[in-house]
């Protein structure tokens, strides 16, 4: 947000507590699916491993999207 010719203002927004609770749950689920994928591959259960790897990929993409989207101000704010 430019204020003048050489001055910029940086706004830092604090994330709400519910966001951190959901982020913690997301990390736990991510680890669970990752462990399931690795264990299934070691036990030659390739279908289960593929499903788990897909779940890891989808959850990672969703988590990254939410992480970057959450910090942006909305139109009404």
Protein backbone atom coordinates (compact mmCIF):
# COMPACT_ATOMS: atom_id res chain seq x y z
CA UNK A 1 0.00 0.00 0.00
CA UNK A 2 1.90 3.05 -1.17
CA UNK A 3 1.68 6.11 1.09
CA UNK A 4 4.09 8.37 -0.66
CA UNK A 5 6.94 8.31 -3.11
CA UNK A 6 9.30 6.23 -0.95
CA UNK A 7 7.02 5.02 1.86
CA UNK A 8 5.16 1.70 2.03
CA UNK A 9 2.89 0.43 4.79
CA UNK A 10 2.82 -3.30 5.55
CA UNK A 11 -0.29 -4.61 7.27
CA UNK A 12 0.14 -7.75 9.38
CA UNK A 13 -3.03 -9.66 10.19
CA UNK A 14 -3.27 -12.16 13.01
CA UNK A 15 -4.94 -15.44 12.12
CA UNK A 16 -7.88 -16.47 14.33
CA UNK A 17 -7.59 -19.35 16.78
CA UNK A 18 -10.00 -21.58 14.85
CA UNK A 19 -7.65 -21.37 11.87
CA UNK A 20 -4.78 -22.77 13.96
CA UNK A 21 -7.02 -25.56 15.30
CA UNK A 22 -7.94 -26.55 11.74
CA UNK A 23 -4.29 -26.28 10.68
CA UNK A 24 -3.30 -28.68 13.47
CA UNK A 25 -6.00 -31.13 12.42
CA UNK A 26 -4.83 -30.82 8.82
CA UNK A 27 -1.24 -31.65 9.80
CA UNK A 28 -2.37 -34.72 11.75
CA UNK A 29 -4.44 -36.00 8.82
CA UNK A 30 -1.59 -35.29 6.42
CA UNK A 31 0.81 -37.36 8.55
CA UNK A 32 -1.77 -40.16 8.88
CA UNK A 33 -2.29 -40.43 5.12
CA UNK A 34 1.45 -40.22 4.48
CA UNK A 35 2.14 -43.06 6.91
CA UNK A 36 -0.65 -45.10 5.37
CA UNK A 37 0.74 -44.57 1.88
CA UNK A 38 4.26 -45.58 2.88
CA UNK A 39 3.12 -48.62 4.89
CA UNK A 40 0.80 -49.79 2.12
CA UNK A 41 3.59 -49.55 -0.44
CA UNK A 42 5.91 -51.59 1.83
CA UNK A 43 3.24 -54.28 2.18
CA UNK A 44 2.67 -54.41 -1.60
CA UNK A 45 -0.86 -53.01 -1.28
CA UNK A 46 -0.55 -50.74 -4.28
CA UNK A 47 -4.21 -49.74 -4.54
CA UNK A 48 -4.31 -48.54 -0.95
CA UNK A 49 -0.98 -46.78 -1.44
CA UNK A 50 -2.25 -45.02 -4.57
CA UNK A 51 -5.42 -43.87 -2.82
CA UNK A 52 -3.39 -42.60 0.12
CA UNK A 53 -0.92 -40.78 -2.13
CA UNK A 54 -3.83 -39.11 -3.92
CA UNK A 55 -5.30 -38.08 -0.55
CA UNK A 56 -1.90 -36.64 0.48
CA UNK A 57 -1.66 -34.67 -2.78
CA UNK A 58 -5.20 -33.29 -2.55
CA UNK A 59 -4.80 -32.34 1.11
CA UNK A 60 -1.44 -30.69 0.43
CA UNK A 61 -2.85 -28.65 -2.45
CA UNK A 62 -5.89 -27.67 -0.39
CA UNK A 63 -3.77 -26.72 2.61
CA UNK A 64 -1.44 -24.55 0.55
CA UNK A 65 -4.41 -22.86 -1.12
CA UNK A 66 -6.13 -22.13 2.21
CA UNK A 67 -2.89 -20.96 3.82
CA UNK A 68 -2.26 -18.34 1.14
CA UNK A 69 -5.92 -17.40 0.69
CA UNK A 70 -6.57 -16.82 4.40
CA UNK A 71 -4.16 -13.90 4.68
CA UNK A 72 -5.73 -11.73 2.01
CA UNK A 73 -8.20 -9.03 3.04
CA UNK A 74 -11.74 -9.40 1.80
CA UNK A 75 -13.60 -6.73 -0.18
CA UNK A 76 -15.76 -5.68 2.80
CA UNK A 77 -12.85 -5.21 5.22
